[in-house]
PDB file of N, CA and C in Angstrom:
ATOM      1  N   MET A   1     136.934 322.797  52.426  1.00  0.00           N
ATOM      2  CA  MET A   1     137.255 322.455  53.805  1.00  0.00           C
ATOM      3  C   MET A   1     136.209 321.469  54.309  1.00  0.00           C
ATOM      4  N   ASN A   2     136.682 320.362  54.855  1.00  0.00           N
ATOM      5  CA  ASN A   2     135.812 319.398  55.529  1.00  0.00           C
ATOM      6  C   ASN A   2     135.998 319.594  57.025  1.00  0.00           C
ATOM      7  N   LEU A   3     134.892 319.773  57.751  1.00  0.00           N
ATOM      8  CA  LEU A   3     134.959 320.017  59.190  1.00  0.00           C
ATOM      9  C   LEU A   3     133.918 319.157  59.881  1.00  0.00           C
ATOM     10  N   PHE A   4     134.373 318.366  60.841  1.00  0.00           N
ATOM     11  CA  PHE A   4     133.489 317.503  61.623  1.00  0.00           C
ATOM     12  C   PHE A   4     133.625 317.909  63.081  1.00  0.00           C
ATOM     13  N   ASP A   5     132.593 318.536  63.589  1.00  0.00           N
ATOM     14  CA  ASP A   5     132.625 319.164  64.906  1.00  0.00           C
ATOM     15  C   ASP A   5     132.155 318.202  65.992  1.00  0.00           C
ATOM     16  N   ASN A   6     132.856 318.214  67.127  1.00  0.00           N
ATOM     17  CA  ASN A   6     132.476 317.452  68.320  1.00  0.00           C
ATOM     18  C   ASN A   6     132.155 315.988  68.016  1.00  0.00           C
ATOM     19  N   ILE A   7     133.082 315.307  67.355  1.00  0.00           N
ATOM     20  CA  ILE A   7     132.836 313.904  67.029  1.00  0.00           C
ATOM     21  C   ILE A   7     133.168 312.970  68.188  1.00  0.00           C
ATOM     22  N   ILE A   8     134.008 313.439  69.118  1.00  0.00           N
ATOM     23  CA  ILE A   8     134.380 312.618  70.280  1.00  0.00           C
ATOM     24  C   ILE A   8     134.342 313.486  71.525  1.00  0.00           C
ATOM     25  N   VAL A   9     133.793 312.923  72.601  1.00  0.00           N
ATOM     26  CA  VAL A   9     133.867 313.546  73.918  1.00  0.00           C
ATOM     27  C   VAL A   9     134.416 312.481  74.865  1.00  0.00           C
ATOM     28  N   ASP A  10     135.494 312.816  75.559  1.00  0.00           N
ATOM     29  CA  ASP A  10     136.123 311.880  76.481  1.00  0.00           C
ATOM     30  C   ASP A  10     136.491 312.627  77.753  1.00  0.00           C
ATOM     31  N   ARG A  11     135.831 312.285  78.851  1.00  0.00           N
ATOM     32  CA  ARG A  11     136.089 312.885  80.173  1.00  0.00           C
ATOM     33  C   ARG A  11     136.114 314.408  80.099  1.00  0.00           C
ATOM     34  N   GLY A  12     135.188 314.952  79.345  1.00  0.00           N
ATOM     35  CA  GLY A  12     135.045 316.398  79.253  1.00  0.00           C
ATOM     36  C   GLY A  12     135.778 317.038  78.087  1.00  0.00           C
ATOM     37  N   SER A  13     136.832 316.395  77.593  1.00  0.00           N
ATOM     38  CA  SER A  13     137.529 316.937  76.425  1.00  0.00           C
ATOM     39  C   SER A  13     136.705 316.656  75.177  1.00  0.00           C
ATOM     40  N   LYS A  14     136.634 317.663  74.300  1.00  0.00           N
ATOM     41  CA  LYS A  14     135.891 317.526  73.050  1.00  0.00           C
ATOM     42  C   LYS A  14     136.872 317.599  71.892  1.00  0.00           C
ATOM     43  N   TYR A  15     136.593 316.791  70.868  1.00  0.00           N
ATOM     44  CA  TYR A  15     137.468 316.705  69.699  1.00  0.00           C
ATOM     45  C   TYR A  15     136.688 316.946  68.421  1.00  0.00           C
ATOM     46  N   SER A  16     137.342 317.622  67.495  1.00  0.00           N
ATOM     47  CA  SER A  16     136.845 317.795  66.139  1.00  0.00           C
ATOM     48  C   SER A  16     137.991 317.490  65.185  1.00  0.00           C
ATOM     49  N   VAL A  17     137.642 317.225  63.938  1.00  0.00           N
ATOM     50  CA  VAL A  17     138.662 316.983  62.917  1.00  0.00           C
ATOM     51  C   VAL A  17     138.264 317.735  61.652  1.00  0.00           C
ATOM     52  N   SER A  18     139.270 318.275  60.990  1.00  0.00           N
ATOM     53  CA  SER A  18     139.028 319.005  59.748  1.00  0.00           C
ATOM     54  C   SER A  18     140.206 318.768  58.818  1.00  0.00           C
ATOM     55  N   GLY A  19     140.025 319.141  57.559  1.00  0.00           N
ATOM     56  CA  GLY A  19     141.108 318.981  56.613  1.00  0.00           C
ATOM     57  C   GLY A  19     140.727 319.431  55.227  1.00  0.00           C
ATOM     58  N   ALA A  20     141.734 319.411  54.354  1.00  0.00           N
ATOM     59  CA  ALA A  20     141.540 319.812  52.961  1.00  0.00           C
ATOM     60  C   ALA A  20     142.783 319.450  52.157  1.00  0.00           C
ATOM     61  N   PRO A  21     142.614 319.304  50.851  1.00  0.00           N
ATOM     62  CA  PRO A  21     143.786 319.115  49.995  1.00  0.00           C
ATOM     63  C   PRO A  21     144.660 320.376  50.019  1.00  0.00           C
ATOM     64  N   VAL A  22     145.967 320.188  50.102  1.00  0.00           N
ATOM     65  CA  VAL A  22     146.927 321.295  50.073  1.00  0.00           C
ATOM     66  C   VAL A  22     148.163 320.832  49.299  1.00  0.00           C
ATOM     67  N   THR A  23     148.868 321.797  48.698  1.00  0.00           N
ATOM     68  CA  THR A  23     150.094 321.436  47.977  1.00  0.00           C
ATOM     69  C   THR A  23     151.289 322.280  48.400  1.00  0.00           C
ATOM     70  N   THR A  24     151.047 323.296  49.250  1.00  0.00           N
ATOM     71  CA  THR A  24     152.136 324.157  49.706  1.00  0.00           C
ATOM     72  C   THR A  24     151.970 324.493  51.186  1.00  0.00           C
ATOM     73  N   GLN A  25     153.069 324.937  51.787  1.00  0.00           N
ATOM     74  CA  GLN A  25     153.007 325.383  53.176  1.00  0.00           C
ATOM     75  C   GLN A  25     152.128 326.612  53.314  1.00  0.00           C
ATOM     76  N   ASP A  26     152.108 327.457  52.299  1.00  0.00           N
ATOM     77  CA  ASP A  26     151.226 328.631  52.331  1.00  0.00           C
ATOM     78  C   ASP A  26     149.761 328.223  52.397  1.00  0.00           C
ATOM     79  N   GLU A  27     149.388 327.177  51.674  1.00  0.00           N
ATOM     80  CA  GLU A  27     148.010 326.688  51.730  1.00  0.00           C
ATOM     81  C   GLU A  27     147.684 326.122  53.108  1.00  0.00           C
ATOM     82  N   VAL A  28     148.656 325.483  53.750  1.00  0.00           N
ATOM     83  CA  VAL A  28     148.462 324.995  55.120  1.00  0.00           C
ATOM     84  C   VAL A  28     148.177 326.173  56.035  1.00  0.00           C
ATOM     85  N   GLN A  29     148.995 327.213  55.960  1.00  0.00           N
ATOM     86  CA  GLN A  29     148.809 328.387  56.821  1.00  0.00           C
ATOM     87  C   GLN A  29     147.479 329.075  56.545  1.00  0.00           C
ATOM     88  N   GLN A  30     147.077 329.134  55.285  1.00  0.00           N
ATOM     89  CA  GLN A  30     145.791 329.747  54.938  1.00  0.00           C
ATOM     90  C   GLN A  30     144.639 328.937  55.526  1.00  0.00           C
ATOM     91  N   PHE A  31     144.738 327.601  55.440  1.00  0.00           N
ATOM     92  CA  PHE A  31     143.700 326.745  56.022  1.00  0.00           C
ATOM     93  C   PHE A  31     143.581 326.997  57.522  1.00  0.00           C
ATOM     94  N   LEU A  32     144.729 327.009  58.209  1.00  0.00           N
ATOM     95  CA  LEU A  32     144.705 327.219  59.670  1.00  0.00           C
ATOM     96  C   LEU A  32     144.142 328.590  60.013  1.00  0.00           C
ATOM     97  N   LYS A  33     144.488 329.583  59.236  1.00  0.00           N
ATOM     98  CA  LYS A  33     143.971 330.936  59.448  1.00  0.00           C
ATOM     99  C   LYS A  33     142.447 330.958  59.275  1.00  0.00           C
ATOM    100  N   THR A  34     141.965 330.296  58.239  1.00  0.00           N
ATOM    101  CA  THR A  34     140.519 330.220  57.994  1.00  0.00           C
ATOM    102  C   THR A  34     139.822 329.477  59.122  1.00  0.00           C
ATOM    103  N   LEU A  35     140.401 328.355  59.566  1.00  0.00           N
ATOM    104  CA  LEU A  35     139.820 327.587  60.669  1.00  0.00           C
ATOM    105  C   LEU A  35     139.712 328.440  61.922  1.00  0.00           C
ATOM    106  N   LYS A  36     140.760 329.181  62.216  1.00  0.00           N
ATOM    107  CA  LYS A  36     140.791 329.970  63.453  1.00  0.00           C
ATOM    108  C   LYS A  36     139.980 331.257  63.363  1.00  0.00           C
ATOM    109  N   ARG A  37     139.428 331.549  62.195  1.00  0.00           N
ATOM    110  CA  ARG A  37     138.475 332.665  62.104  1.00  0.00           C
ATOM    111  C   ARG A  37     137.198 332.338  62.868  1.00  0.00           C
ATOM    112  N   HIS A  38     136.959 331.055  63.021  1.00  0.00           N
ATOM    113  CA  HIS A  38     135.849 330.611  63.868  1.00  0.00           C
ATOM    114  C   HIS A  38     136.329 330.747  65.315  1.00  0.00           C
ATOM    115  N   LYS A  39     135.689 331.589  66.056  1.00  0.00           N
ATOM    116  CA  LYS A  39     136.116 331.895  67.424  1.00  0.00           C
ATOM    117  C   LYS A  39     136.332 330.625  68.250  1.00  0.00           C
ATOM    118  N   LYS A  40     135.442 329.667  68.068  1.00  0.00           N
ATOM    119  CA  LYS A  40     135.527 328.407  68.817  1.00  0.00           C
ATOM    120  C   LYS A  40     136.880 327.719  68.583  1.00  0.00           C
ATOM    121  N   TYR A  41     137.346 327.706  67.345  1.00  0.00           N
ATOM    122  CA  TYR A  41     138.603 327.036  67.015  1.00  0.00           C
ATOM    123  C   TYR A  41     139.814 327.879  67.412  1.00  0.00           C
ATOM    124  N   ALA A  42     139.654 329.169  67.376  1.00  0.00           N
ATOM    125  CA  ALA A  42     140.735 330.059  67.814  1.00  0.00           C
ATOM    126  C   ALA A  42     140.990 329.877  69.309  1.00  0.00           C
ATOM    127  N   LYS A  43     139.943 329.538  70.066  1.00  0.00           N
ATOM    128  CA  LYS A  43     140.066 329.377  71.522  1.00  0.00           C
ATOM    129  C   LYS A  43     140.320 327.928  71.947  1.00  0.00           C
ATOM    130  N   ALA A  44     140.470 327.024  70.977  1.00  0.00           N
ATOM    131  CA  ALA A  44     140.715 325.615  71.295  1.00  0.00           C
ATOM    132  C   ALA A  44     142.038 325.474  72.043  1.00  0.00           C
ATOM    133  N   THR A  45     142.129 324.444  72.852  1.00  0.00           N
ATOM    134  CA  THR A  45     143.366 324.166  73.571  1.00  0.00           C
ATOM    135  C   THR A  45     144.476 323.763  72.603  1.00  0.00           C
ATOM    136  N   HIS A  46     144.135 322.921  71.621  1.00  0.00           N
ATOM    137  CA  HIS A  46     145.115 322.436  70.644  1.00  0.00           C
ATOM    138  C   HIS A  46     144.478 322.326  69.264  1.00  0.00           C
ATOM    139  N   ASN A  47     145.199 322.777  68.258  1.00  0.00           N
ATOM    140  CA  ASN A  47     144.876 322.516  66.857  1.00  0.00           C
ATOM    141  C   ASN A  47     146.101 321.811  66.273  1.00  0.00           C
ATOM    142  N   THR A  48     146.161 320.509  66.465  1.00  0.00           N
ATOM    143  CA  THR A  48     147.292 319.691  66.043  1.00  0.00           C
ATOM    144  C   THR A  48     147.083 319.284  64.590  1.00  0.00           C
ATOM    145  N   TRP A  49     148.165 319.298  63.800  1.00  0.00           N
ATOM    146  CA  TRP A  49     147.974 318.991  62.384  1.00  0.00           C
ATOM    147  C   TRP A  49     149.205 318.337  61.766  1.00  0.00           C
ATOM    148  N   ALA A  50     148.954 317.745  60.596  1.00  0.00           N
ATOM    149  CA  ALA A  50     150.044 317.169  59.807  1.00  0.00           C
ATOM    150  C   ALA A  50     149.611 317.080  58.352  1.00  0.00           C
ATOM    151  N   VAL A  51     150.614 317.081  57.485  1.00  0.00           N
ATOM    152  CA  VAL A  51     150.429 316.873  56.054  1.00  0.00           C
ATOM    153  C   VAL A  51     151.685 316.177  55.543  1.00  0.00           C
ATOM    154  N   HIS A  52     151.509 315.306  54.562  1.00  0.00           N
ATOM    155  CA  HIS A  52     152.665 314.675  53.921  1.00  0.00           C
ATOM    156  C   HIS A  52     152.632 315.068  52.451  1.00  0.00           C
ATOM    157  N   PHE A  53     153.470 316.048  52.108  1.00  0.00           N
ATOM    158  CA  PHE A  53     153.543 316.495  50.724  1.00  0.00           C
ATOM    159  C   PHE A  53     154.259 315.442  49.887  1.00  0.00           C
ATOM    160  N   ARG A  54     153.702 315.166  48.735  1.00  0.00           N
ATOM    161  CA  ARG A  54     154.307 314.170  47.845  1.00  0.00           C
ATOM    162  C   ARG A  54     155.732 314.580  47.461  1.00  0.00           C
ATOM    163  N   ASP A  55     155.938 315.857  47.174  1.00  0.00           N
ATOM    164  CA  ASP A  55     157.251 316.313  46.723  1.00  0.00           C
ATOM    165  C   ASP A  55     158.131 316.858  47.842  1.00  0.00           C
ATOM    166  N   ALA A  56     157.544 317.548  48.801  1.00  0.00           N
ATOM    167  CA  ALA A  56     158.331 318.246  49.828  1.00  0.00           C
ATOM    168  C   ALA A  56     158.467 317.462  51.127  1.00  0.00           C
ATOM    169  N   GLY A  57     157.761 316.345  51.270  1.00  0.00           N
ATOM    170  CA  GLY A  57     157.875 315.535  52.474  1.00  0.00           C
ATOM    171  C   GLY A  57     156.916 315.944  53.570  1.00  0.00           C
ATOM    172  N   PRO A  58     157.157 315.463  54.797  1.00  0.00           N
ATOM    173  CA  PRO A  58     156.219 315.659  55.900  1.00  0.00           C
ATOM    174  C   PRO A  58     156.374 317.016  56.584  1.00  0.00           C
ATOM    175  N   LEU A  59     155.250 317.455  57.162  1.00  0.00           N
ATOM    176  CA  LEU A  59     155.204 318.674  57.953  1.00  0.00           C
ATOM    177  C   LEU A  59     154.147 318.457  59.028  1.00  0.00           C
ATOM    178  N   LYS A  60     154.462 318.842  60.264  1.00  0.00           N
ATOM    179  CA  LYS A  60     153.517 318.625  61.363  1.00  0.00           C
ATOM    180  C   LYS A  60     153.679 319.701  62.409  1.00  0.00           C
ATOM    181  N   ASN A  61     152.657 319.828  63.273  1.00  0.00           N
ATOM    182  CA  ASN A  61     152.720 320.747  64.395  1.00  0.00           C
ATOM    183  C   ASN A  61     151.851 320.192  65.522  1.00  0.00           C
ATOM    184  N   ASP A  62     152.453 320.052  66.705  1.00  0.00           N
ATOM    185  CA  ASP A  62     151.737 319.510  67.865  1.00  0.00           C
ATOM    186  C   ASP A  62     150.842 320.539  68.553  1.00  0.00           C
ATOM    187  N   ASP A  63     151.111 321.813  68.375  1.00  0.00           N
ATOM    188  CA  ASP A  63     150.352 322.886  69.022  1.00  0.00           C
ATOM    189  C   ASP A  63     150.149 322.610  70.516  1.00  0.00           C
ATOM    190  N   GLY A  64     151.211 322.172  71.175  1.00  0.00           N
ATOM    191  CA  GLY A  64     151.169 321.955  72.620  1.00  0.00           C
ATOM    192  C   GLY A  64     150.718 320.576  73.061  1.00  0.00           C
ATOM    193  N   GLU A  65     150.225 319.748  72.143  1.00  0.00           N
ATOM    194  CA  GLU A  65     149.794 318.375  72.457  1.00  0.00           C
ATOM    195  C   GLU A  65     150.925 317.444  72.020  1.00  0.00           C
ATOM    196  N   ALA A  66     151.972 317.383  72.843  1.00  0.00           N
ATOM    197  CA  ALA A  66     153.227 316.713  72.488  1.00  0.00           C
ATOM    198  C   ALA A  66     152.996 315.332  71.887  1.00  0.00           C
ATOM    199  N   GLY A  67     153.516 315.149  70.674  1.00  0.00           N
ATOM    200  CA  GLY A  67     153.458 313.867  69.993  1.00  0.00           C
ATOM    201  C   GLY A  67     152.245 313.656  69.115  1.00  0.00           C
ATOM    202  N   ALA A  68     151.238 314.506  69.229  1.00  0.00           N
ATOM    203  CA  ALA A  68     149.994 314.292  68.477  1.00  0.00           C
ATOM    204  C   ALA A  68     150.182 314.522  66.981  1.00  0.00           C
ATOM    205  N   GLY A  69     151.000 315.495  66.598  1.00  0.00           N
ATOM    206  CA  GLY A  69     151.251 315.733  65.177  1.00  0.00           C
ATOM    207  C   GLY A  69     151.902 314.525  64.518  1.00  0.00           C
ATOM    208  N   LEU A  70     152.796 313.875  65.241  1.00  0.00           N
ATOM    209  CA  LEU A  70     153.458 312.677  64.715  1.00  0.00           C
ATOM    210  C   LEU A  70     152.453 311.537  64.542  1.00  0.00           C
ATOM    211  N   VAL A  71     151.494 311.426  65.449  1.00  0.00           N
ATOM    212  CA  VAL A  71     150.453 310.401  65.322  1.00  0.00           C
ATOM    213  C   VAL A  71     149.686 310.612  64.013  1.00  0.00           C
ATOM    214  N   ILE A  72     149.295 311.847  63.738  1.00  0.00           N
ATOM    215  CA  ILE A  72     148.568 312.155  62.503  1.00  0.00           C
ATOM    216  C   ILE A  72     149.447 311.843  61.297  1.00  0.00           C
ATOM    217  N   LEU A  73     150.678 312.301  61.342  1.00  0.00           N
ATOM    218  CA  LEU A  73     151.600 312.096  60.219  1.00  0.00           C
ATOM    219  C   LEU A  73     151.809 310.620  59.915  1.00  0.00           C
ATOM    220  N   ARG A  74     152.018 309.818  60.921  1.00  0.00           N
ATOM    221  CA  ARG A  74     152.234 308.378  60.702  1.00  0.00           C
ATOM    222  C   ARG A  74     151.011 307.726  60.064  1.00  0.00           C
ATOM    223  N   MET A  75     149.831 308.176  60.474  1.00  0.00           N
ATOM    224  CA  MET A  75     148.607 307.627  59.890  1.00  0.00           C
ATOM    225  C   MET A  75     148.500 308.021  58.412  1.00  0.00           C
ATOM    226  N   LEU A  76     148.867 309.250  58.094  1.00  0.00           N
ATOM    227  CA  LEU A  76     148.860 309.696  56.694  1.00  0.00           C
ATOM    228  C   LEU A  76     149.857 308.884  55.874  1.00  0.00           C
ATOM    229  N   GLU A  77     151.043 308.633  56.433  1.00  0.00           N
ATOM    230  CA  GLU A  77     152.064 307.861  55.738  1.00  0.00           C
ATOM    231  C   GLU A  77     151.601 306.422  55.488  1.00  0.00           C
ATOM    232  N   ARG A  78     151.000 305.803  56.491  1.00  0.00           N
ATOM    233  CA  ARG A  78     150.527 304.417  56.331  1.00  0.00           C
ATOM    234  C   ARG A  78     149.475 304.303  55.236  1.00  0.00           C
ATOM    235  N   GLN A  79     148.655 305.340  55.092  1.00  0.00           N
ATOM    236  CA  GLN A  79     147.600 305.337  54.081  1.00  0.00           C
ATOM    237  C   GLN A  79     148.082 305.861  52.729  1.00  0.00           C
ATOM    238  N   SER A  80     149.342 306.297  52.666  1.00  0.00           N
ATOM    239  CA  SER A  80     149.871 306.967  51.460  1.00  0.00           C
ATOM    240  C   SER A  80     148.930 308.096  51.038  1.00  0.00           C
ATOM    241  N   PHE A  81     148.537 308.887  52.015  1.00  0.00           N
ATOM    242  CA  PHE A  81     147.586 309.987  51.815  1.00  0.00           C
ATOM    243  C   PHE A  81     148.389 311.281  51.715  1.00  0.00           C
ATOM    244  N   PHE A  82     148.709 311.657  50.491  1.00  0.00           N
ATOM    245  CA  PHE A  82     149.599 312.789  50.234  1.00  0.00           C
ATOM    246  C   PHE A  82     148.810 314.062  49.943  1.00  0.00           C
ATOM    247  N   ASP A  83     149.481 315.190  50.201  1.00  0.00           N
ATOM    248  CA  ASP A  83     148.963 316.507  49.828  1.00  0.00           C
ATOM    249  C   ASP A  83     147.572 316.772  50.400  1.00  0.00           C
ATOM    250  N   HIS A  84     147.372 316.387  51.651  1.00  0.00           N
ATOM    251  CA  HIS A  84     146.104 316.603  52.328  1.00  0.00           C
ATOM    252  C   HIS A  84     146.387 316.906  53.798  1.00  0.00           C
ATOM    253  N   LEU A  85     145.946 318.046  54.247  1.00  0.00           N
ATOM    254  CA  LEU A  85     146.123 318.473  55.632  1.00  0.00           C
ATOM    255  C   LEU A  85     145.004 317.912  56.493  1.00  0.00           C
ATOM    256  N   ILE A  86     145.362 317.378  57.655  1.00  0.00           N
ATOM    257  CA  ILE A  86     144.364 316.976  58.647  1.00  0.00           C
ATOM    258  C   ILE A  86     144.697 317.678  59.959  1.00  0.00           C
ATOM    259  N   VAL A  87     143.664 318.303  60.543  1.00  0.00           N
ATOM    260  CA  VAL A  87     143.790 319.032  61.801  1.00  0.00           C
ATOM    261  C   VAL A  87     142.866 318.375  62.826  1.00  0.00           C
ATOM    262  N   VAL A  88     143.426 317.991  63.974  1.00  0.00           N
ATOM    263  CA  VAL A  88     142.624 317.484  65.086  1.00  0.00           C
ATOM    264  C   VAL A  88     142.603 318.572  66.154  1.00  0.00           C
ATOM    265  N   THR A  89     141.404 319.002  66.492  1.00  0.00           N
ATOM    266  CA  THR A  89     141.220 320.085  67.463  1.00  0.00           C
ATOM    267  C   THR A  89     140.708 319.493  68.771  1.00  0.00           C
ATOM    268  N   ARG A  90     141.292 319.969  69.885  1.00  0.00           N
ATOM    269  CA  ARG A  90     140.866 319.510  71.214  1.00  0.00           C
ATOM    270  C   ARG A  90     140.580 320.710  72.092  1.00  0.00           C
ATOM    271  N   TRP A  91     139.461 320.593  72.798  1.00  0.00           N
ATOM    272  CA  TRP A  91     139.138 321.535  73.872  1.00  0.00           C
ATOM    273  C   TRP A  91     139.269 320.736  75.159  1.00  0.00           C
ATOM    274  N   PHE A  92     140.245 321.090  75.981  1.00  0.00           N
ATOM    275  CA  PHE A  92     140.541 320.359  77.216  1.00  0.00           C
ATOM    276  C   PHE A  92     139.362 320.466  78.172  1.00  0.00           C
ATOM    277  N   GLY A  93     138.967 319.318  78.732  1.00  0.00           N
ATOM    278  CA  GLY A  93     137.804 319.269  79.604  1.00  0.00           C
ATOM    279  C   GLY A  93     138.110 319.228  81.080  1.00  0.00           C
ATOM    280  N   GLY A  94     139.372 319.372  81.472  1.00  0.00           N
ATOM    281  CA  GLY A  94     139.708 319.418  82.883  1.00  0.00           C
ATOM    282  C   GLY A  94     140.315 318.147  83.444  1.00  0.00           C
ATOM    283  N   THR A  95     140.214 317.036  82.720  1.00  0.00           N
ATOM    284  CA  THR A  95     140.788 315.769  83.172  1.00  0.00           C
ATOM    285  C   THR A  95     141.866 315.343  82.182  1.00  0.00           C
ATOM    286  N   LYS A  96     143.070 315.082  82.686  1.00  0.00           N
ATOM    287  CA  LYS A  96     144.147 314.610  81.820  1.00  0.00           C
ATOM    288  C   LYS A  96     143.812 313.208  81.324  1.00  0.00           C
ATOM    289  N   LEU A  97     144.048 312.983  80.032  1.00  0.00           N
ATOM    290  CA  LEU A  97     143.702 311.698  79.420  1.00  0.00           C
ATOM    291  C   LEU A  97     144.877 310.748  79.308  1.00  0.00           C
ATOM    292  N   GLY A  98     146.071 311.215  79.625  1.00  0.00           N
ATOM    293  CA  GLY A  98     147.253 310.364  79.505  1.00  0.00           C
ATOM    294  C   GLY A  98     147.390 309.863  78.076  1.00  0.00           C
ATOM    295  N   GLY A  99     147.740 308.608  77.915  1.00  0.00           N
ATOM    296  CA  GLY A  99     147.925 308.013  76.593  1.00  0.00           C
ATOM    297  C   GLY A  99     146.641 307.924  75.781  1.00  0.00           C
ATOM    298  N   ASP A 100     145.490 308.007  76.455  1.00  0.00           N
ATOM    299  CA  ASP A 100     144.223 307.962  75.722  1.00  0.00           C
ATOM    300  C   ASP A 100     144.078 309.137  74.759  1.00  0.00           C
ATOM    301  N   ARG A 101     144.800 310.229  75.031  1.00  0.00           N
ATOM    302  CA  ARG A 101     144.683 311.372  74.124  1.00  0.00           C
ATOM    303  C   ARG A 101     145.166 311.005  72.731  1.00  0.00           C
ATOM    304  N   PHE A 102     146.154 310.103  72.630  1.00  0.00           N
ATOM    305  CA  PHE A 102     146.621 309.662  71.319  1.00  0.00           C
ATOM    306  C   PHE A 102     145.589 308.777  70.626  1.00  0.00           C
ATOM    307  N   ARG A 103     144.871 307.981  71.411  1.00  0.00           N
ATOM    308  CA  ARG A 103     143.809 307.159  70.825  1.00  0.00           C
ATOM    309  C   ARG A 103     142.688 308.047  70.292  1.00  0.00           C
ATOM    310  N   ARG A 104     142.382 309.128  70.982  1.00  0.00           N
ATOM    311  CA  ARG A 104     141.348 310.055  70.495  1.00  0.00           C
ATOM    312  C   ARG A 104     141.802 310.742  69.206  1.00  0.00           C
ATOM    313  N   VAL A 105     143.080 311.103  69.128  1.00  0.00           N
ATOM    314  CA  VAL A 105     143.616 311.692  67.893  1.00  0.00           C
ATOM    315  C   VAL A 105     143.486 310.660  66.762  1.00  0.00           C
ATOM    316  N   GLN A 106     143.862 309.423  67.024  1.00  0.00           N
ATOM    317  CA  GLN A 106     143.730 308.371  66.007  1.00  0.00           C
ATOM    318  C   GLN A 106     142.275 308.195  65.594  1.00  0.00           C
ATOM    319  N   ASP A 107     141.367 308.205  66.566  1.00  0.00           N
ATOM    320  CA  ASP A 107     139.944 308.061  66.262  1.00  0.00           C
ATOM    321  C   ASP A 107     139.472 309.178  65.337  1.00  0.00           C
ATOM    322  N   CYS A 108     139.918 310.392  65.602  1.00  0.00           N
ATOM    323  CA  CYS A 108     139.535 311.534  64.762  1.00  0.00           C
ATOM    324  C   CYS A 108     140.077 311.380  63.346  1.00  0.00           C
ATOM    325  N   VAL A 109     141.340 311.005  63.222  1.00  0.00           N
ATOM    326  CA  VAL A 109     141.941 310.842  61.900  1.00  0.00           C
ATOM    327  C   VAL A 109     141.240 309.705  61.151  1.00  0.00           C
ATOM    328  N   ASN A 110     140.961 308.604  61.845  1.00  0.00           N
ATOM    329  CA  ASN A 110     140.241 307.497  61.200  1.00  0.00           C
ATOM    330  C   ASN A 110     138.871 307.948  60.709  1.00  0.00           C
ATOM    331  N   TYR A 111     138.176 308.730  61.519  1.00  0.00           N
ATOM    332  CA  TYR A 111     136.867 309.261  61.139  1.00  0.00           C
ATOM    333  C   TYR A 111     137.001 310.052  59.838  1.00  0.00           C
ATOM    334  N   TYR A 112     137.994 310.918  59.780  1.00  0.00           N
ATOM    335  CA  TYR A 112     138.212 311.747  58.597  1.00  0.00           C
ATOM    336  C   TYR A 112     138.545 310.891  57.379  1.00  0.00           C
ATOM    337  N   LEU A 113     139.465 309.956  57.546  1.00  0.00           N
ATOM    338  CA  LEU A 113     139.881 309.111  56.427  1.00  0.00           C
ATOM    339  C   LEU A 113     138.725 308.250  55.919  1.00  0.00           C
ATOM    340  N   GLU A 114     137.912 307.742  56.829  1.00  0.00           N
ATOM    341  CA  GLU A 114     136.750 306.949  56.407  1.00  0.00           C
ATOM    342  C   GLU A 114     135.782 307.807  55.608  1.00  0.00           C
ATOM    343  N   TYR A 115     135.556 309.031  56.058  1.00  0.00           N
ATOM    344  CA  TYR A 115     134.683 309.939  55.315  1.00  0.00           C
ATOM    345  C   TYR A 115     135.278 310.220  53.940  1.00  0.00           C
ATOM    346  N   TYR A 116     136.540 310.546  53.903  1.00  0.00           N
ATOM    347  CA  TYR A 116     137.187 310.966  52.664  1.00  0.00           C
ATOM    348  C   TYR A 116     137.248 309.835  51.645  1.00  0.00           C
ATOM    349  N   HIS A 117     137.415 308.611  52.126  1.00  0.00           N
ATOM    350  CA  HIS A 117     137.565 307.478  51.227  1.00  0.00           C
ATOM    351  C   HIS A 117     136.241 306.749  50.965  1.00  0.00           C
ATOM    352  N   SER A 118     135.156 307.190  51.586  1.00  0.00           N
ATOM    353  CA  SER A 118     133.884 306.507  51.377  1.00  0.00           C
ATOM    354  C   SER A 118     133.300 306.916  50.020  1.00  0.00           C
ATOM    355  N   PRO A 119     132.555 306.012  49.398  1.00  0.00           N
ATOM    356  CA  PRO A 119     131.966 306.360  48.101  1.00  0.00           C
ATOM    357  C   PRO A 119     130.894 307.442  48.272  1.00  0.00           C
ATOM    358  N   PRO A 120     130.710 308.280  47.267  1.00  0.00           N
ATOM    359  CA  PRO A 120     129.707 309.337  47.381  1.00  0.00           C
ATOM    360  C   PRO A 120     128.302 308.737  47.461  1.00  0.00           C
ATOM    361  N   PRO A 121     127.377 309.439  48.143  1.00  0.00           N
ATOM    362  CA  PRO A 121     126.011 308.919  48.260  1.00  0.00           C
ATOM    363  C   PRO A 121     125.347 308.830  46.874  1.00  0.00           C
ATOM    364  N   GLN A 122     124.529 307.830  46.693  1.00  0.00           N
ATOM    365  CA  GLN A 122     123.846 307.619  45.401  1.00  0.00           C
ATOM    366  C   GLN A 122     122.614 308.471  45.289  1.00  0.00           C
TER     367      GLN A 122
END
């Protein structure tokens, strides 16, 4: 499990991103269960996620952040990033972000993809 905590703060809302390789829906559910064992993540406002299985196709969940799962999924599709779950977690800070919330989701996914695709340290 890769977990990057509090990578973005925007008008009080805090964002984290996490993910891991998965090949089945059961592995997705196990990952989410493990993530939510951390009290902080269990109490998050949203744990939005998506995965694009090479064989079974796309799967996503907005967890109340309408449209955010699709944002993650489209980014995975553009990168041809298969069999890998990405979860963007948000703790609402009291101010509605409007369309900026999608930019924060994109920022989190980009952060994760850059980490995942970066060469290992020498």
